[in-house]
Amino acid sequence: MGTNGQEFGNALADVLLGLVEPGGRLPTTWPDNEHALPSTQPTDGALRYDEGLHVGYRRYRAGAPAPRYPFGHGLGYTTWDYLSIDAPTSVDLDREVDITVHLRNSGRRPGREVVQVYLRRPGSAIERPARWLAGFTAISAAPGEEVTATVPLTTRAFQHWNTTDGRWSLEPGTFHLDVGSSAGAVPLTADLTVRIPSEPA
């Protein structure tokens, strides 16, 4: 459990007794060991931050060893099957894009799941993270129930910061969608081609 307050004891007891679902997800990445961490020892009083765009969970898709617990990881008292994803194959990116995910509570208890959508852009002409979080939503389901989660992706999720123009810009082309329960568990994928609205189809 994260930052604990005066009700920590009661909250922990409720989770351990199965009275509530431990529905939280990690906002950080836990490495497998201390040697997998970026530099933490200053040299001459200076600590170098040279990760660039690959800071935090993004670093573990850029060649770092696989973490013990990835960004977005969390446990519950049930299991989930990710069944399918519905997404447009192409879109003029002048509005939000809805990604629909179908999943099933395959366990024997009611549960809550945080559905996470990540983006990748192999072959991009600009520097990008290997994968980045684009959107998420939480859903609940009874045992055996199939549910639909809709994750809206904003225009900003596809954009990059243009240092020349000093503004957010869009590089049109094909993005890969990775959908799952954490940065390390993405069983569903799809491709989405985005166009600048003024660009001919």
N, C-alpha and C. Protein backbone atom coordinates (compact mmCIF):
# COMPACT_ATOMS: atom_id res chain seq x y z
N MET A 1 0.84 -1.18 0.00
CA MET A 1 0.00 0.00 0.00
C MET A 1 0.89 1.24 0.00
N GLY A 2 0.40 2.29 -0.60
CA GLY A 2 1.21 3.48 -0.80
C GLY A 2 1.35 4.34 0.44
N THR A 3 1.23 5.64 0.28
CA THR A 3 1.37 6.56 1.40
C THR A 3 0.23 6.33 2.38
N ASN A 4 0.59 5.98 3.60
CA ASN A 4 -0.40 5.54 4.57
C ASN A 4 -0.76 6.63 5.57
N GLY A 5 -2.03 6.73 5.89
CA GLY A 5 -2.50 7.70 6.87
C GLY A 5 -2.99 6.99 8.12
N GLN A 6 -3.80 7.68 8.89
CA GLN A 6 -4.22 7.14 10.19
C GLN A 6 -5.16 5.95 10.06
N GLU A 7 -5.77 5.77 8.89
CA GLU A 7 -6.68 4.64 8.69
C GLU A 7 -5.99 3.46 8.01
N PHE A 8 -4.65 3.48 7.97
CA PHE A 8 -3.92 2.42 7.29
C PHE A 8 -4.25 1.04 7.85
N GLY A 9 -4.30 0.92 9.16
CA GLY A 9 -4.58 -0.39 9.77
C GLY A 9 -5.92 -0.95 9.35
N ASN A 10 -6.95 -0.12 9.37
CA ASN A 10 -8.28 -0.57 8.95
C ASN A 10 -8.30 -0.93 7.47
N ALA A 11 -7.64 -0.10 6.65
CA ALA A 11 -7.62 -0.36 5.21
C ALA A 11 -6.89 -1.66 4.91
N LEU A 12 -5.75 -1.88 5.55
CA LEU A 12 -4.99 -3.10 5.33
C LEU A 12 -5.79 -4.32 5.75
N ALA A 13 -6.47 -4.24 6.88
CA ALA A 13 -7.28 -5.36 7.34
C ALA A 13 -8.39 -5.68 6.34
N ASP A 14 -9.04 -4.66 5.80
CA ASP A 14 -10.11 -4.88 4.82
C ASP A 14 -9.59 -5.58 3.57
N VAL A 15 -8.38 -5.18 3.13
CA VAL A 15 -7.79 -5.81 1.94
C VAL A 15 -7.42 -7.26 2.23
N LEU A 16 -6.74 -7.50 3.34
CA LEU A 16 -6.28 -8.86 3.67
C LEU A 16 -7.44 -9.81 3.94
N LEU A 17 -8.53 -9.30 4.45
CA LEU A 17 -9.70 -10.14 4.72
C LEU A 17 -10.59 -10.29 3.49
N GLY A 18 -10.22 -9.63 2.40
CA GLY A 18 -10.99 -9.76 1.17
C GLY A 18 -12.28 -8.97 1.17
N LEU A 19 -12.41 -8.00 2.06
CA LEU A 19 -13.63 -7.21 2.12
C LEU A 19 -13.68 -6.15 1.03
N VAL A 20 -12.51 -5.72 0.57
CA VAL A 20 -12.43 -4.75 -0.52
C VAL A 20 -11.39 -5.23 -1.52
N GLU A 21 -11.53 -4.78 -2.75
CA GLU A 21 -10.58 -5.11 -3.82
C GLU A 21 -9.39 -4.16 -3.75
N PRO A 22 -8.17 -4.67 -3.72
CA PRO A 22 -7.00 -3.78 -3.75
C PRO A 22 -6.79 -3.26 -5.17
N GLY A 23 -7.52 -2.22 -5.52
CA GLY A 23 -7.58 -1.78 -6.92
C GLY A 23 -6.53 -0.79 -7.34
N GLY A 24 -5.55 -0.48 -6.50
CA GLY A 24 -4.54 0.49 -6.88
C GLY A 24 -3.56 -0.06 -7.90
N ARG A 25 -2.88 0.83 -8.61
CA ARG A 25 -1.87 0.44 -9.58
C ARG A 25 -0.61 1.26 -9.34
N LEU A 26 0.54 0.66 -9.65
CA LEU A 26 1.82 1.32 -9.39
C LEU A 26 2.02 2.52 -10.31
N PRO A 27 2.31 3.70 -9.75
CA PRO A 27 2.67 4.84 -10.58
C PRO A 27 4.17 4.92 -10.83
N THR A 28 4.88 3.91 -10.35
CA THR A 28 6.33 3.84 -10.50
C THR A 28 6.70 2.44 -10.99
N THR A 29 7.99 2.26 -11.30
CA THR A 29 8.52 0.96 -11.70
C THR A 29 9.49 0.47 -10.63
N TRP A 30 9.35 -0.80 -10.24
CA TRP A 30 10.24 -1.38 -9.23
C TRP A 30 11.24 -2.29 -9.94
N PRO A 31 12.53 -1.94 -9.91
CA PRO A 31 13.53 -2.77 -10.59
C PRO A 31 13.73 -4.11 -9.90
N ASP A 32 14.34 -5.03 -10.62
CA ASP A 32 14.59 -6.36 -10.06
C ASP A 32 15.67 -6.32 -8.98
N ASN A 33 16.62 -5.41 -9.14
CA ASN A 33 17.67 -5.26 -8.13
C ASN A 33 18.26 -3.86 -8.27
N GLU A 34 19.09 -3.48 -7.31
CA GLU A 34 19.62 -2.11 -7.29
C GLU A 34 20.55 -1.82 -8.46
N HIS A 35 21.14 -2.86 -9.05
CA HIS A 35 22.05 -2.65 -10.16
C HIS A 35 21.31 -2.27 -11.44
N ALA A 36 19.99 -2.49 -11.46
CA ALA A 36 19.20 -2.11 -12.62
C ALA A 36 18.74 -0.66 -12.57
N LEU A 37 19.03 0.02 -11.47
CA LEU A 37 18.66 1.42 -11.34
C LEU A 37 19.60 2.31 -12.14
N PRO A 38 19.12 3.46 -12.61
CA PRO A 38 20.06 4.43 -13.19
C PRO A 38 21.00 4.93 -12.10
N SER A 39 21.98 5.67 -12.49
CA SER A 39 23.00 6.14 -11.55
C SER A 39 22.38 6.85 -10.36
N THR A 40 22.79 6.43 -9.17
CA THR A 40 22.32 7.08 -7.94
C THR A 40 23.48 7.60 -7.10
N GLN A 41 24.71 7.45 -7.60
CA GLN A 41 25.88 7.91 -6.86
C GLN A 41 26.44 9.17 -7.52
N PRO A 42 26.39 10.30 -6.80
CA PRO A 42 26.92 11.53 -7.40
C PRO A 42 28.43 11.46 -7.58
N THR A 43 28.92 12.16 -8.58
CA THR A 43 30.34 12.29 -8.83
C THR A 43 30.73 13.74 -8.59
N ASP A 44 31.64 13.97 -7.67
CA ASP A 44 32.05 15.33 -7.31
C ASP A 44 30.84 16.19 -6.96
N GLY A 45 29.88 15.58 -6.26
CA GLY A 45 28.72 16.33 -5.81
C GLY A 45 27.65 16.55 -6.85
N ALA A 46 27.82 15.99 -8.04
CA ALA A 46 26.84 16.18 -9.12
C ALA A 46 26.23 14.84 -9.51
N LEU A 47 24.93 14.81 -9.66
CA LEU A 47 24.22 13.60 -10.08
C LEU A 47 23.69 13.83 -11.49
N ARG A 48 24.15 13.03 -12.42
CA ARG A 48 23.80 13.23 -13.83
C ARG A 48 22.42 12.63 -14.12
N TYR A 49 21.60 13.39 -14.80
CA TYR A 49 20.31 12.92 -15.30
C TYR A 49 20.41 12.93 -16.83
N ASP A 50 20.78 11.79 -17.39
CA ASP A 50 21.00 11.74 -18.83
C ASP A 50 20.05 10.76 -19.52
N GLU A 51 18.89 10.47 -18.87
CA GLU A 51 17.94 9.54 -19.48
C GLU A 51 17.21 10.14 -20.67
N GLY A 52 17.16 11.48 -20.72
CA GLY A 52 16.41 12.12 -21.80
C GLY A 52 14.93 11.78 -21.71
N LEU A 53 14.35 11.35 -22.82
CA LEU A 53 12.94 10.97 -22.85
C LEU A 53 12.66 9.66 -22.14
N HIS A 54 13.71 8.88 -21.88
CA HIS A 54 13.53 7.54 -21.32
C HIS A 54 13.59 7.58 -19.79
N VAL A 55 12.80 8.44 -19.21
CA VAL A 55 12.78 8.58 -17.77
C VAL A 55 11.65 7.72 -17.19
N GLY A 56 11.84 7.24 -15.96
CA GLY A 56 10.80 6.44 -15.32
C GLY A 56 10.54 5.13 -16.04
N TYR A 57 9.26 4.77 -16.17
CA TYR A 57 8.91 3.48 -16.77
C TYR A 57 9.36 3.37 -18.22
N ARG A 58 9.53 4.49 -18.91
CA ARG A 58 9.93 4.45 -20.33
C ARG A 58 11.33 3.86 -20.51
N ARG A 59 12.16 4.00 -19.48
CA ARG A 59 13.53 3.50 -19.55
C ARG A 59 13.57 1.99 -19.74
N TYR A 60 12.58 1.29 -19.19
CA TYR A 60 12.61 -0.17 -19.22
C TYR A 60 12.20 -0.74 -20.58
N ARG A 61 11.77 0.13 -21.50
CA ARG A 61 11.55 -0.30 -22.88
C ARG A 61 12.70 0.14 -23.77
N ALA A 62 13.70 0.78 -23.18
CA ALA A 62 14.81 1.33 -23.95
C ALA A 62 16.11 0.61 -23.64
N GLY A 63 16.03 -0.67 -23.24
CA GLY A 63 17.22 -1.47 -23.04
C GLY A 63 17.57 -1.80 -21.61
N ALA A 64 16.87 -1.22 -20.64
CA ALA A 64 17.14 -1.56 -19.24
C ALA A 64 16.62 -2.97 -18.95
N PRO A 65 17.18 -3.65 -17.94
CA PRO A 65 16.68 -4.99 -17.59
C PRO A 65 15.20 -4.96 -17.22
N ALA A 66 14.52 -6.07 -17.45
CA ALA A 66 13.10 -6.15 -17.13
C ALA A 66 12.90 -5.90 -15.64
N PRO A 67 11.91 -5.10 -15.26
CA PRO A 67 11.70 -4.78 -13.84
C PRO A 67 11.02 -5.92 -13.10
N ARG A 68 11.07 -5.86 -11.78
CA ARG A 68 10.34 -6.82 -10.96
C ARG A 68 8.83 -6.53 -11.03
N TYR A 69 8.47 -5.26 -10.89
CA TYR A 69 7.06 -4.85 -10.98
C TYR A 69 6.97 -3.65 -11.93
N PRO A 70 6.34 -3.82 -13.09
CA PRO A 70 6.30 -2.73 -14.07
C PRO A 70 5.31 -1.63 -13.70
N PHE A 71 5.47 -0.50 -14.33
CA PHE A 71 4.54 0.62 -14.19
C PHE A 71 3.12 0.14 -14.49
N GLY A 72 2.17 0.52 -13.65
CA GLY A 72 0.78 0.12 -13.85
C GLY A 72 0.41 -1.21 -13.25
N HIS A 73 1.38 -1.93 -12.68
CA HIS A 73 1.11 -3.26 -12.10
C HIS A 73 0.24 -3.14 -10.86
N GLY A 74 -0.61 -4.13 -10.66
CA GLY A 74 -1.43 -4.18 -9.47
C GLY A 74 -2.07 -5.55 -9.31
N LEU A 75 -2.41 -5.91 -8.09
CA LEU A 75 -3.01 -7.21 -7.81
C LEU A 75 -4.46 -7.05 -7.37
N GLY A 76 -5.22 -8.11 -7.56
CA GLY A 76 -6.60 -8.14 -7.10
C GLY A 76 -6.97 -9.57 -6.73
N TYR A 77 -8.23 -9.77 -6.41
CA TYR A 77 -8.69 -11.09 -5.99
C TYR A 77 -9.38 -11.85 -7.11
N THR A 78 -9.19 -11.41 -8.34
CA THR A 78 -9.75 -12.13 -9.47
C THR A 78 -8.77 -12.05 -10.63
N THR A 79 -9.12 -12.67 -11.74
CA THR A 79 -8.28 -12.65 -12.94
C THR A 79 -9.09 -12.12 -14.11
N TRP A 80 -8.38 -11.64 -15.12
CA TRP A 80 -9.04 -11.01 -16.27
C TRP A 80 -8.51 -11.58 -17.57
N ASP A 81 -9.41 -11.80 -18.51
CA ASP A 81 -9.04 -12.18 -19.87
C ASP A 81 -9.30 -10.99 -20.78
N TYR A 82 -8.26 -10.54 -21.47
CA TYR A 82 -8.41 -9.48 -22.46
C TYR A 82 -8.80 -10.15 -23.78
N LEU A 83 -9.99 -9.85 -24.28
CA LEU A 83 -10.57 -10.58 -25.40
C LEU A 83 -10.28 -9.95 -26.75
N SER A 84 -10.56 -8.66 -26.90
CA SER A 84 -10.37 -8.02 -28.20
C SER A 84 -10.34 -6.51 -28.04
N ILE A 85 -9.91 -5.86 -29.10
CA ILE A 85 -9.83 -4.40 -29.12
C ILE A 85 -10.49 -3.89 -30.40
N ASP A 86 -11.28 -2.85 -30.26
CA ASP A 86 -11.89 -2.18 -31.41
C ASP A 86 -11.31 -0.78 -31.50
N ALA A 87 -10.69 -0.49 -32.64
CA ALA A 87 -10.10 0.83 -32.85
C ALA A 87 -10.19 1.15 -34.33
N PRO A 88 -10.36 2.42 -34.68
CA PRO A 88 -10.35 2.77 -36.10
C PRO A 88 -8.98 2.47 -36.69
N THR A 89 -8.95 2.15 -37.97
CA THR A 89 -7.66 1.89 -38.62
C THR A 89 -6.98 3.19 -39.04
N SER A 90 -7.78 4.23 -39.27
CA SER A 90 -7.22 5.54 -39.61
C SER A 90 -8.18 6.62 -39.15
N VAL A 91 -7.64 7.80 -38.88
CA VAL A 91 -8.46 8.88 -38.36
C VAL A 91 -7.78 10.22 -38.62
N ASP A 92 -8.60 11.25 -38.90
CA ASP A 92 -8.11 12.62 -38.91
C ASP A 92 -8.06 13.07 -37.46
N LEU A 93 -6.89 13.41 -36.98
CA LEU A 93 -6.72 13.62 -35.55
C LEU A 93 -7.09 15.05 -35.15
N ASP A 94 -8.38 15.37 -35.26
CA ASP A 94 -8.88 16.66 -34.81
C ASP A 94 -9.83 16.50 -33.62
N ARG A 95 -9.84 15.32 -33.01
CA ARG A 95 -10.75 15.04 -31.90
C ARG A 95 -10.19 13.84 -31.13
N GLU A 96 -10.85 13.52 -30.03
CA GLU A 96 -10.47 12.32 -29.28
C GLU A 96 -10.75 11.06 -30.09
N VAL A 97 -9.94 10.05 -29.87
CA VAL A 97 -10.13 8.75 -30.49
C VAL A 97 -10.51 7.76 -29.40
N ASP A 98 -11.64 7.10 -29.55
CA ASP A 98 -12.09 6.12 -28.56
C ASP A 98 -11.57 4.73 -28.91
N ILE A 99 -10.90 4.10 -27.96
CA ILE A 99 -10.42 2.73 -28.10
C ILE A 99 -11.31 1.86 -27.21
N THR A 100 -11.94 0.85 -27.79
CA THR A 100 -12.85 -0.01 -27.05
C THR A 100 -12.20 -1.36 -26.79
N VAL A 101 -12.19 -1.76 -25.54
CA VAL A 101 -11.54 -3.01 -25.14
C VAL A 101 -12.58 -3.93 -24.51
N HIS A 102 -12.63 -5.17 -24.98
CA HIS A 102 -13.55 -6.17 -24.43
C HIS A 102 -12.75 -7.12 -23.54
N LEU A 103 -13.23 -7.32 -22.32
CA LEU A 103 -12.55 -8.22 -21.40
C LEU A 103 -13.55 -8.93 -20.50
N ARG A 104 -13.07 -9.99 -19.86
CA ARG A 104 -13.92 -10.83 -19.04
C ARG A 104 -13.29 -11.03 -17.66
N ASN A 105 -14.11 -10.94 -16.64
CA ASN A 105 -13.68 -11.32 -15.30
C ASN A 105 -13.72 -12.85 -15.25
N SER A 106 -12.55 -13.47 -15.35
CA SER A 106 -12.48 -14.93 -15.43
C SER A 106 -12.29 -15.59 -14.07
N GLY A 107 -12.34 -14.81 -13.00
CA GLY A 107 -12.19 -15.37 -11.67
C GLY A 107 -13.53 -15.66 -11.01
N ARG A 108 -13.48 -15.91 -9.71
CA ARG A 108 -14.69 -16.27 -8.96
C ARG A 108 -15.15 -15.18 -8.01
N ARG A 109 -14.57 -14.00 -8.15
CA ARG A 109 -14.96 -12.88 -7.29
C ARG A 109 -15.20 -11.63 -8.13
N PRO A 110 -16.04 -10.73 -7.65
CA PRO A 110 -16.15 -9.43 -8.32
C PRO A 110 -14.79 -8.74 -8.30
N GLY A 111 -14.54 -7.92 -9.30
CA GLY A 111 -13.23 -7.26 -9.35
C GLY A 111 -13.27 -5.94 -10.09
N ARG A 112 -12.15 -5.26 -10.02
CA ARG A 112 -11.96 -3.97 -10.69
C ARG A 112 -10.65 -4.02 -11.44
N GLU A 113 -10.66 -3.58 -12.69
CA GLU A 113 -9.47 -3.62 -13.52
C GLU A 113 -9.20 -2.23 -14.10
N VAL A 114 -7.92 -1.87 -14.19
CA VAL A 114 -7.53 -0.62 -14.84
C VAL A 114 -6.97 -0.98 -16.22
N VAL A 115 -7.72 -0.65 -17.25
CA VAL A 115 -7.33 -0.95 -18.63
C VAL A 115 -6.43 0.18 -19.12
N GLN A 116 -5.24 -0.17 -19.60
CA GLN A 116 -4.23 0.82 -19.98
C GLN A 116 -3.90 0.70 -21.46
N VAL A 117 -3.80 1.84 -22.13
CA VAL A 117 -3.47 1.90 -23.55
C VAL A 117 -2.14 2.63 -23.71
N TYR A 118 -1.20 1.97 -24.36
CA TYR A 118 0.12 2.54 -24.62
C TYR A 118 0.29 2.72 -26.13
N LEU A 119 1.13 3.68 -26.51
CA LEU A 119 1.43 3.93 -27.91
C LEU A 119 2.90 3.66 -28.19
N ARG A 120 3.16 3.23 -29.44
CA ARG A 120 4.52 3.09 -29.96
C ARG A 120 4.54 3.70 -31.36
N ARG A 121 5.71 4.17 -31.77
CA ARG A 121 5.84 4.72 -33.12
C ARG A 121 7.20 4.33 -33.69
N PRO A 122 7.35 3.04 -34.10
CA PRO A 122 8.62 2.62 -34.69
C PRO A 122 8.89 3.39 -35.98
N GLY A 123 10.15 3.69 -36.21
CA GLY A 123 10.52 4.38 -37.44
C GLY A 123 10.19 5.85 -37.46
N SER A 124 9.89 6.43 -36.32
CA SER A 124 9.57 7.85 -36.26
C SER A 124 10.77 8.68 -36.68
N ALA A 125 10.49 9.81 -37.32
CA ALA A 125 11.56 10.70 -37.75
C ALA A 125 12.10 11.54 -36.59
N ILE A 126 11.42 11.50 -35.45
CA ILE A 126 11.87 12.26 -34.29
C ILE A 126 12.15 11.31 -33.14
N GLU A 127 12.85 11.79 -32.13
CA GLU A 127 13.12 10.96 -30.96
C GLU A 127 11.86 10.80 -30.13
N ARG A 128 11.54 9.56 -29.81
CA ARG A 128 10.36 9.25 -29.00
C ARG A 128 10.71 8.17 -27.99
N PRO A 129 9.93 8.07 -26.92
CA PRO A 129 10.07 6.90 -26.05
C PRO A 129 9.70 5.63 -26.82
N ALA A 130 10.23 4.50 -26.39
CA ALA A 130 9.89 3.24 -27.06
C ALA A 130 8.41 2.91 -26.91
N ARG A 131 7.81 3.31 -25.78
CA ARG A 131 6.38 3.12 -25.54
C ARG A 131 5.96 4.13 -24.47
N TRP A 132 4.77 4.71 -24.63
CA TRP A 132 4.31 5.67 -23.62
C TRP A 132 2.82 5.48 -23.35
N LEU A 133 2.42 5.79 -22.11
CA LEU A 133 1.02 5.68 -21.71
C LEU A 133 0.21 6.75 -22.40
N ALA A 134 -0.89 6.34 -23.07
CA ALA A 134 -1.73 7.28 -23.80
C ALA A 134 -3.08 7.50 -23.12
N GLY A 135 -3.56 6.51 -22.38
CA GLY A 135 -4.85 6.65 -21.71
C GLY A 135 -5.17 5.42 -20.89
N PHE A 136 -6.15 5.56 -20.00
CA PHE A 136 -6.57 4.42 -19.17
C PHE A 136 -7.97 4.68 -18.64
N THR A 137 -8.61 3.61 -18.20
CA THR A 137 -9.90 3.72 -17.54
C THR A 137 -10.08 2.51 -16.63
N ALA A 138 -10.95 2.64 -15.64
CA ALA A 138 -11.21 1.55 -14.70
C ALA A 138 -12.61 0.99 -14.93
N ILE A 139 -12.74 -0.33 -14.83
CA ILE A 139 -14.03 -0.98 -14.97
C ILE A 139 -14.19 -2.02 -13.86
N SER A 140 -15.43 -2.37 -13.58
CA SER A 140 -15.74 -3.41 -12.59
C SER A 140 -16.62 -4.46 -13.23
N ALA A 141 -16.53 -5.69 -12.75
CA ALA A 141 -17.33 -6.77 -13.32
C ALA A 141 -17.55 -7.86 -12.29
N ALA A 142 -18.68 -8.54 -12.42
CA ALA A 142 -18.99 -9.70 -11.59
C ALA A 142 -18.25 -10.92 -12.14
N PRO A 143 -18.15 -12.00 -11.38
CA PRO A 143 -17.48 -13.21 -11.87
C PRO A 143 -18.11 -13.69 -13.17
N GLY A 144 -17.28 -13.96 -14.18
CA GLY A 144 -17.75 -14.45 -15.46
C GLY A 144 -18.33 -13.41 -16.39
N GLU A 145 -18.46 -12.19 -15.93
CA GLU A 145 -19.10 -11.15 -16.74
C GLU A 145 -18.12 -10.59 -17.78
N GLU A 146 -18.63 -10.39 -19.01
CA GLU A 146 -17.87 -9.70 -20.04
C GLU A 146 -18.27 -8.24 -20.06
N VAL A 147 -17.29 -7.36 -20.10
CA VAL A 147 -17.55 -5.93 -20.07
C VAL A 147 -16.77 -5.23 -21.17
N THR A 148 -17.17 -4.01 -21.44
CA THR A 148 -16.51 -3.18 -22.44
C THR A 148 -15.96 -1.94 -21.77
N ALA A 149 -14.69 -1.67 -22.00
CA ALA A 149 -14.04 -0.47 -21.47
C ALA A 149 -13.72 0.46 -22.63
N THR A 150 -14.10 1.71 -22.52
CA THR A 150 -13.78 2.70 -23.55
C THR A 150 -12.71 3.64 -23.01
N VAL A 151 -11.60 3.70 -23.73
CA VAL A 151 -10.47 4.54 -23.33
C VAL A 151 -10.33 5.67 -24.35
N PRO A 152 -10.63 6.91 -23.98
CA PRO A 152 -10.45 8.02 -24.92
C PRO A 152 -8.99 8.44 -24.98
N LEU A 153 -8.48 8.60 -26.20
CA LEU A 153 -7.12 9.09 -26.40
C LEU A 153 -7.20 10.50 -26.97
N THR A 154 -6.61 11.45 -26.27
CA THR A 154 -6.64 12.83 -26.73
C THR A 154 -5.62 13.05 -27.84
N THR A 155 -5.78 14.15 -28.56
CA THR A 155 -4.83 14.50 -29.60
C THR A 155 -3.41 14.59 -29.04
N ARG A 156 -3.29 15.13 -27.83
CA ARG A 156 -1.97 15.32 -27.23
C ARG A 156 -1.22 14.00 -27.06
N ALA A 157 -1.93 12.90 -26.88
CA ALA A 157 -1.26 11.61 -26.69
C ALA A 157 -0.42 11.22 -27.90
N PHE A 158 -0.77 11.73 -29.08
CA PHE A 158 -0.05 11.39 -30.30
C PHE A 158 1.01 12.43 -30.67
N GLN A 159 0.99 13.56 -30.01
CA GLN A 159 1.86 14.67 -30.40
C GLN A 159 3.22 14.60 -29.72
N HIS A 160 4.14 15.40 -30.25
CA HIS A 160 5.47 15.56 -29.67
C HIS A 160 5.76 17.05 -29.55
N TRP A 161 6.70 17.39 -28.68
CA TRP A 161 7.06 18.79 -28.52
C TRP A 161 8.05 19.18 -29.60
N ASN A 162 7.67 20.16 -30.41
CA ASN A 162 8.50 20.66 -31.51
C ASN A 162 9.38 21.78 -30.96
N THR A 163 10.66 21.48 -30.76
CA THR A 163 11.55 22.47 -30.17
C THR A 163 11.85 23.62 -31.12
N THR A 164 11.74 23.39 -32.42
CA THR A 164 11.98 24.46 -33.39
C THR A 164 10.87 25.50 -33.36
N ASP A 165 9.62 25.01 -33.36
CA ASP A 165 8.48 25.92 -33.38
C ASP A 165 7.98 26.29 -31.98
N GLY A 166 8.46 25.57 -30.95
CA GLY A 166 8.02 25.85 -29.60
C GLY A 166 6.56 25.51 -29.36
N ARG A 167 6.09 24.40 -29.91
CA ARG A 167 4.69 24.01 -29.74
C ARG A 167 4.56 22.51 -29.93
N TRP A 168 3.36 21.98 -29.56
CA TRP A 168 3.07 20.57 -29.78
C TRP A 168 2.74 20.35 -31.26
N SER A 169 3.32 19.30 -31.85
CA SER A 169 3.11 19.00 -33.26
C SER A 169 2.74 17.54 -33.44
N LEU A 170 2.14 17.25 -34.58
CA LEU A 170 1.75 15.87 -34.90
C LEU A 170 2.54 15.37 -36.08
N GLU A 171 3.15 14.22 -35.92
CA GLU A 171 3.82 13.53 -37.02
C GLU A 171 2.84 12.49 -37.55
N PRO A 172 2.23 12.72 -38.72
CA PRO A 172 1.26 11.75 -39.22
C PRO A 172 1.93 10.42 -39.55
N GLY A 173 1.14 9.36 -39.52
CA GLY A 173 1.65 8.04 -39.81
C GLY A 173 0.98 6.99 -38.93
N THR A 174 1.57 5.81 -38.88
CA THR A 174 0.97 4.69 -38.17
C THR A 174 1.56 4.53 -36.78
N PHE A 175 0.67 4.53 -35.80
CA PHE A 175 1.02 4.27 -34.41
C PHE A 175 0.56 2.87 -34.04
N HIS A 176 1.31 2.21 -33.17
CA HIS A 176 0.91 0.90 -32.65
C HIS A 176 0.26 1.09 -31.28
N LEU A 177 -0.90 0.48 -31.09
CA LEU A 177 -1.58 0.49 -29.81
C LEU A 177 -1.27 -0.80 -29.07
N ASP A 178 -0.86 -0.70 -27.82
CA ASP A 178 -0.66 -1.85 -26.95
C ASP A 178 -1.60 -1.71 -25.76
N VAL A 179 -2.42 -2.72 -25.52
CA VAL A 179 -3.47 -2.62 -24.49
C VAL A 179 -3.31 -3.75 -23.48
N GLY A 180 -3.40 -3.41 -22.20
CA GLY A 180 -3.30 -4.44 -21.17
C GLY A 180 -3.44 -3.88 -19.78
N SER A 181 -2.90 -4.62 -18.81
CA SER A 181 -3.07 -4.29 -17.40
C SER A 181 -1.88 -3.55 -16.80
N SER A 182 -0.77 -3.44 -17.54
CA SER A 182 0.40 -2.71 -17.07
C SER A 182 1.34 -2.51 -18.25
N ALA A 183 2.42 -1.76 -18.02
CA ALA A 183 3.40 -1.56 -19.08
C ALA A 183 4.09 -2.86 -19.46
N GLY A 184 4.03 -3.85 -18.58
CA GLY A 184 4.68 -5.13 -18.85
C GLY A 184 3.74 -6.24 -19.26
N ALA A 185 2.45 -5.95 -19.39
CA ALA A 185 1.46 -6.97 -19.76
C ALA A 185 0.44 -6.35 -20.71
N VAL A 186 0.73 -6.46 -22.01
CA VAL A 186 -0.13 -5.85 -23.03
C VAL A 186 -0.50 -6.90 -24.08
N PRO A 187 -1.51 -7.72 -23.82
CA PRO A 187 -1.84 -8.83 -24.72
C PRO A 187 -2.54 -8.42 -26.01
N LEU A 188 -3.09 -7.22 -26.08
CA LEU A 188 -3.82 -6.80 -27.27
C LEU A 188 -3.07 -5.69 -28.00
N THR A 189 -3.05 -5.77 -29.33
CA THR A 189 -2.38 -4.75 -30.14
C THR A 189 -3.24 -4.40 -31.35
N ALA A 190 -3.04 -3.21 -31.86
CA ALA A 190 -3.72 -2.76 -33.07
C ALA A 190 -2.91 -1.62 -33.67
N ASP A 191 -3.13 -1.35 -34.94
CA ASP A 191 -2.47 -0.24 -35.62
C ASP A 191 -3.49 0.85 -35.91
N LEU A 192 -3.04 2.09 -35.79
CA LEU A 192 -3.90 3.24 -36.05
C LEU A 192 -3.10 4.27 -36.83
N THR A 193 -3.55 4.59 -38.03
CA THR A 193 -2.91 5.61 -38.85
C THR A 193 -3.59 6.95 -38.61
N VAL A 194 -2.82 7.93 -38.23
CA VAL A 194 -3.37 9.26 -37.97
C VAL A 194 -2.95 10.22 -39.06
N ARG A 195 -3.86 11.13 -39.39
CA ARG A 195 -3.61 12.14 -40.40
C ARG A 195 -3.84 13.52 -39.78
N ILE A 196 -3.11 14.50 -40.26
CA ILE A 196 -3.40 15.88 -39.90
C ILE A 196 -4.70 16.25 -40.60
N PRO A 197 -5.64 16.91 -39.92
CA PRO A 197 -6.96 17.16 -40.51
C PRO A 197 -6.95 17.78 -41.90
N SER A 198 -5.97 18.63 -42.21
CA SER A 198 -5.94 19.26 -43.53
C SER A 198 -5.30 18.38 -44.59
N GLU A 199 -4.74 17.24 -44.17
CA GLU A 199 -4.08 16.34 -45.10
C GLU A 199 -5.11 15.55 -45.89
N PRO A 200 -4.99 15.47 -47.23
CA PRO A 200 -5.96 14.67 -48.00
C PRO A 200 -5.90 13.20 -47.61
N ALA A 201 -7.05 12.52 -47.70
CA ALA A 201 -7.13 11.10 -47.36
C ALA A 201 -6.39 10.26 -48.38
